[in-house]
Amino acid sequence: MLYSIFVIGVVIVGLVLIATAFYMLLPPRWLQGWLRGNLGFLCLALAFFLILSVLDLLSYKTLSSEQTIATISFKNIAPQKFLATLVDADGRESEYNIFGDQWQLDVRLFKWHADAAALGLAPVYRLDRISGRYLSLEQEQASPRSVFAVRQAQSALDLWSVLHEYRDIIPWLDVTYGNATYLPMADGALFLVTLSPSGLVPRPLNDRAKSAISQWQVTP
């Protein structure tokens, strides 16, 4: 609820800034002073930044507690090559050709610090990428790699990357990655991935997945 109010509030501020910018920039008013003209352009730039930020935030989902964010199944189509089928929380299905022996799913997270979280602000997340890796260091360095974006931003502005680069701008907000532990790929294996404020947890859902994990854990 608070997240929706926040988004609506940002949109309203953006619209007010646009109206202010046009009021100041329409001729002949902006010619009355350099300061007034620059202030108008500043308002316009800030308004577009806020609106693009909201459009990007719409691609994120609220995280209130541990919840399922994806299921991933694998089909072996060649030696150390798997067709991964990912189904997200909205039921959208995507397929990826993953090279290697193991897979990993990453998410982008906006997490509030304790004081902000106490006000009811929940973390938000977006699926980011799925990747594979080889157990052999030699193969990892020389063989084909596979990293795929799972979800793209809905805006020209990537707000997460901006705030991750300048993370001290909002001291009560953590802008971070969430990574699932690397797990083995196997023909017919099915995994469930859940996300909580503490991180991602992948779980085997069928015997093929459980067997692959068991064999991987005992491999020297």
Protein backbone atom coordinates (compact mmCIF):
# COMPACT_ATOMS: atom_id res chain seq x y z
CA MET A 1 0.00 0.00 0.00
CA LEU A 2 2.74 2.49 0.98
CA TYR A 3 4.68 1.54 -2.15
CA SER A 4 1.64 2.42 -4.31
CA ILE A 5 1.20 5.72 -2.46
CA PHE A 6 4.90 6.47 -3.00
CA VAL A 7 4.64 5.80 -6.75
CA ILE A 8 1.50 7.97 -7.07
CA GLY A 9 3.18 10.75 -5.08
CA VAL A 10 6.22 10.73 -7.38
CA VAL A 11 3.96 10.93 -10.45
CA ILE A 12 2.10 13.93 -8.99
CA VAL A 13 5.37 15.72 -8.20
CA GLY A 14 6.58 15.04 -11.73
CA LEU A 15 3.41 16.48 -13.28
CA VAL A 16 3.65 19.60 -11.09
CA LEU A 17 7.26 20.08 -12.16
CA ILE A 18 6.32 19.74 -15.83
CA ALA A 19 3.54 22.34 -15.42
CA THR A 20 5.98 24.69 -13.66
CA ALA A 21 8.58 24.20 -16.39
CA PHE A 22 6.15 25.01 -19.21
CA TYR A 23 4.86 28.07 -17.30
CA MET A 24 8.39 29.41 -17.01
CA LEU A 25 9.58 28.47 -20.48
CA LEU A 26 6.69 29.59 -22.67
CA PRO A 27 7.60 32.82 -24.51
CA PRO A 28 8.02 35.58 -23.70
CA ARG A 29 8.30 34.69 -20.00
CA TRP A 30 11.59 32.76 -20.14
CA LEU A 31 13.32 35.74 -21.75
CA GLN A 32 12.72 37.78 -18.61
CA GLY A 33 15.70 36.25 -16.93
CA TRP A 34 18.45 33.67 -17.27
CA LEU A 35 17.78 32.34 -13.79
CA ARG A 36 14.12 31.78 -14.44
CA GLY A 37 14.84 29.99 -17.69
CA ASN A 38 17.41 27.70 -16.13
CA LEU A 39 15.08 26.93 -13.24
CA GLY A 40 12.44 25.93 -15.76
CA PHE A 41 14.81 23.57 -17.55
CA LEU A 42 15.87 22.11 -14.20
CA CYS A 43 12.25 21.45 -13.26
CA LEU A 44 11.62 19.82 -16.63
CA ALA A 45 14.70 17.59 -16.34
CA LEU A 46 13.80 16.57 -12.80
CA ALA A 47 10.22 15.83 -13.83
CA PHE A 48 11.33 13.52 -16.65
CA PHE A 49 13.80 11.82 -14.28
CA LEU A 50 11.01 11.15 -11.75
CA ILE A 51 8.59 9.87 -14.38
CA LEU A 52 11.19 7.57 -15.95
CA SER A 53 12.08 6.36 -12.44
CA VAL A 54 8.45 5.44 -11.76
CA LEU A 55 8.18 3.63 -15.09
CA ASP A 56 11.26 1.61 -14.15
CA LEU A 57 9.92 0.89 -10.65
CA LEU A 58 6.74 -0.56 -12.18
CA SER A 59 8.85 -3.51 -13.36
CA TYR A 60 9.61 -4.41 -9.71
CA LYS A 61 7.43 -6.43 -7.34
CA THR A 62 6.78 -5.88 -3.65
CA LEU A 63 8.32 -8.46 -1.31
CA SER A 64 6.34 -8.77 1.92
CA SER A 65 7.62 -12.18 3.09
CA GLU A 66 9.25 -15.29 1.64
CA GLN A 67 7.52 -15.99 -1.65
CA THR A 68 8.00 -18.01 -4.80
CA ILE A 69 9.52 -15.94 -7.59
CA ALA A 70 10.26 -18.63 -10.21
CA THR A 71 10.43 -22.29 -11.14
CA ILE A 72 13.23 -23.52 -13.39
CA SER A 73 13.38 -26.83 -15.26
CA PHE A 74 16.22 -28.24 -17.36
CA LYS A 75 16.45 -30.42 -20.47
CA ASN A 76 19.82 -31.77 -21.58
CA ILE A 77 20.22 -31.05 -25.31
CA ALA A 78 23.99 -31.60 -25.71
CA PRO A 79 27.01 -32.33 -23.50
CA GLN A 80 27.11 -29.53 -20.92
CA LYS A 81 24.31 -27.67 -22.69
CA PHE A 82 20.81 -27.41 -21.21
CA LEU A 83 17.53 -25.82 -22.24
CA ALA A 84 16.36 -23.96 -19.12
CA THR A 85 12.66 -23.09 -18.87
CA LEU A 86 11.93 -20.34 -16.35
CA VAL A 87 8.39 -19.51 -15.22
CA ASP A 88 8.11 -16.38 -13.09
CA ALA A 89 5.54 -15.48 -10.42
CA ASP A 90 3.20 -14.04 -13.07
CA GLY A 91 3.26 -17.25 -15.10
CA ARG A 92 5.43 -15.83 -17.88
CA GLU A 93 7.62 -18.52 -19.45
CA SER A 94 11.08 -17.98 -20.96
CA GLU A 95 13.66 -20.39 -22.37
CA TYR A 96 17.46 -20.11 -22.33
CA ASN A 97 20.32 -22.27 -23.62
CA ILE A 98 22.66 -22.60 -20.65
CA PHE A 99 26.21 -23.95 -21.04
CA GLY A 100 28.07 -25.59 -18.18
CA ASP A 101 27.35 -27.77 -15.16
CA GLN A 102 25.59 -25.37 -12.76
CA TRP A 103 23.06 -22.54 -12.88
CA GLN A 104 22.39 -19.40 -10.90
CA LEU A 105 19.52 -16.90 -10.79
CA ASP A 106 20.06 -13.25 -9.80
CA VAL A 107 17.59 -10.56 -8.75
CA ARG A 108 17.82 -6.81 -8.23
CA LEU A 109 16.67 -5.57 -4.84
CA PHE A 110 15.67 -2.29 -3.25
CA LYS A 111 15.77 -2.93 0.51
CA TRP A 112 14.84 -0.37 3.16
CA HIS A 113 16.82 0.06 6.36
CA ALA A 114 15.19 -0.69 9.71
CA ASP A 115 13.72 2.77 10.36
CA ALA A 116 12.11 3.00 6.93
CA ALA A 117 10.97 -0.64 7.07
CA ALA A 118 9.28 0.07 10.41
CA LEU A 119 7.02 2.52 8.59
CA GLY A 120 5.73 -0.34 6.46
CA LEU A 121 7.94 0.11 3.39
CA ALA A 122 8.57 -3.34 1.92
CA PRO A 123 11.51 -4.37 -0.28
CA VAL A 124 10.91 -4.62 -4.02
CA TYR A 125 12.64 -6.93 -6.49
CA ARG A 126 12.98 -7.75 -10.17
CA LEU A 127 14.38 -10.90 -11.77
CA ASP A 128 17.66 -9.89 -13.36
CA ARG A 129 19.58 -12.69 -15.04
CA ILE A 130 20.20 -16.42 -15.26
CA SER A 131 23.68 -17.80 -15.89
CA GLY A 132 25.67 -21.01 -16.06
CA ARG A 133 29.17 -22.04 -15.07
CA TYR A 134 31.51 -25.00 -15.41
CA LEU A 135 32.95 -26.99 -12.52
CA SER A 136 36.31 -27.13 -14.28
CA LEU A 137 38.34 -23.93 -14.02
CA GLU A 138 39.91 -24.63 -17.43
CA GLN A 139 36.49 -24.93 -19.06
CA GLU A 140 35.22 -21.87 -17.23
CA GLN A 141 38.03 -19.83 -18.78
CA ALA A 142 37.95 -21.30 -22.30
CA SER A 143 34.44 -22.65 -23.02
CA PRO A 144 31.30 -20.77 -24.14
CA ARG A 145 29.65 -18.78 -21.35
CA SER A 146 25.95 -18.08 -20.95
CA VAL A 147 24.41 -15.11 -19.13
CA PHE A 148 20.91 -13.95 -20.05
CA ALA A 149 18.79 -11.03 -18.91
CA VAL A 150 15.49 -12.36 -17.56
CA ARG A 151 13.52 -9.11 -17.24
CA GLN A 152 14.17 -5.79 -18.94
CA ALA A 153 13.35 -2.34 -17.57
CA GLN A 154 10.14 -0.70 -18.77
CA SER A 155 11.86 2.67 -18.96
CA ALA A 156 14.84 4.24 -20.70
CA LEU A 157 16.23 4.96 -17.23
CA ASP A 158 17.76 2.10 -15.25
CA LEU A 159 17.14 3.48 -11.76
CA TRP A 160 18.72 0.50 -9.99
CA SER A 161 22.04 1.00 -11.81
CA VAL A 162 22.04 4.73 -11.06
CA LEU A 163 21.35 4.27 -7.35
CA HIS A 164 23.76 1.32 -7.14
CA GLU A 165 26.51 3.52 -8.56
CA TYR A 166 25.67 6.39 -6.19
CA ARG A 167 24.39 4.33 -3.28
CA ASP A 168 25.10 7.00 -0.66
CA ILE A 169 22.47 9.34 -2.14
CA ILE A 170 19.68 7.63 -0.17
CA PRO A 171 21.30 6.37 3.06
CA TRP A 172 18.21 4.48 4.28
CA LEU A 173 17.98 2.38 1.08
CA ASP A 174 20.10 -0.64 0.09
CA VAL A 175 20.44 -1.18 -3.66
CA THR A 176 21.88 -4.66 -4.04
CA TYR A 177 21.95 -7.99 -5.86
CA GLY A 178 20.37 -11.16 -4.59
CA ASN A 179 22.01 -14.38 -5.80
CA ALA A 180 20.82 -17.94 -5.60
CA THR A 181 23.49 -20.50 -4.72
CA TYR A 182 24.93 -22.26 -7.77
CA LEU A 183 23.18 -25.61 -8.19
CA PRO A 184 23.75 -28.45 -10.66
CA MET A 185 21.84 -28.78 -13.92
CA ALA A 186 20.43 -32.19 -14.84
CA ASP A 187 18.08 -33.54 -17.47
CA GLY A 188 14.50 -33.34 -16.16
CA ALA A 189 15.46 -31.47 -12.96
CA LEU A 190 12.93 -28.97 -11.60
CA PHE A 191 13.75 -26.28 -9.04
CA LEU A 192 11.73 -23.77 -7.06
CA VAL A 193 13.28 -20.38 -6.20
CA THR A 194 11.91 -18.35 -3.29
CA LEU A 195 12.91 -14.90 -2.13
CA SER A 196 12.72 -13.37 1.34
CA PRO A 197 14.19 -10.14 2.74
CA SER A 198 17.25 -12.22 3.72
CA GLY A 199 17.95 -13.58 0.23
CA LEU A 200 17.20 -16.20 -2.45
CA VAL A 201 16.65 -19.87 -1.66
CA PRO A 202 16.57 -22.47 -4.48
CA ARG A 203 14.95 -25.82 -3.67
CA PRO A 204 14.73 -29.09 -5.65
CA LEU A 205 11.15 -29.98 -6.58
CA ASN A 206 11.52 -33.46 -8.07
CA ASP A 207 13.67 -36.58 -7.75
CA ARG A 208 15.91 -35.61 -10.67
CA ALA A 209 16.82 -32.34 -8.97
CA LYS A 210 17.33 -33.99 -5.58
CA SER A 211 19.53 -36.68 -7.12
CA ALA A 212 21.62 -34.08 -8.97
CA ILE A 213 22.22 -32.16 -5.74
CA SER A 214 23.11 -35.33 -3.84
CA GLN A 215 25.64 -36.41 -6.46
CA TRP A 216 27.08 -32.89 -6.67
CA GLN A 217 27.51 -32.65 -2.89
CA VAL A 218 29.47 -35.89 -2.66
CA THR A 219 31.65 -35.15 -5.72
CA PRO A 220 35.24 -34.60 -4.55
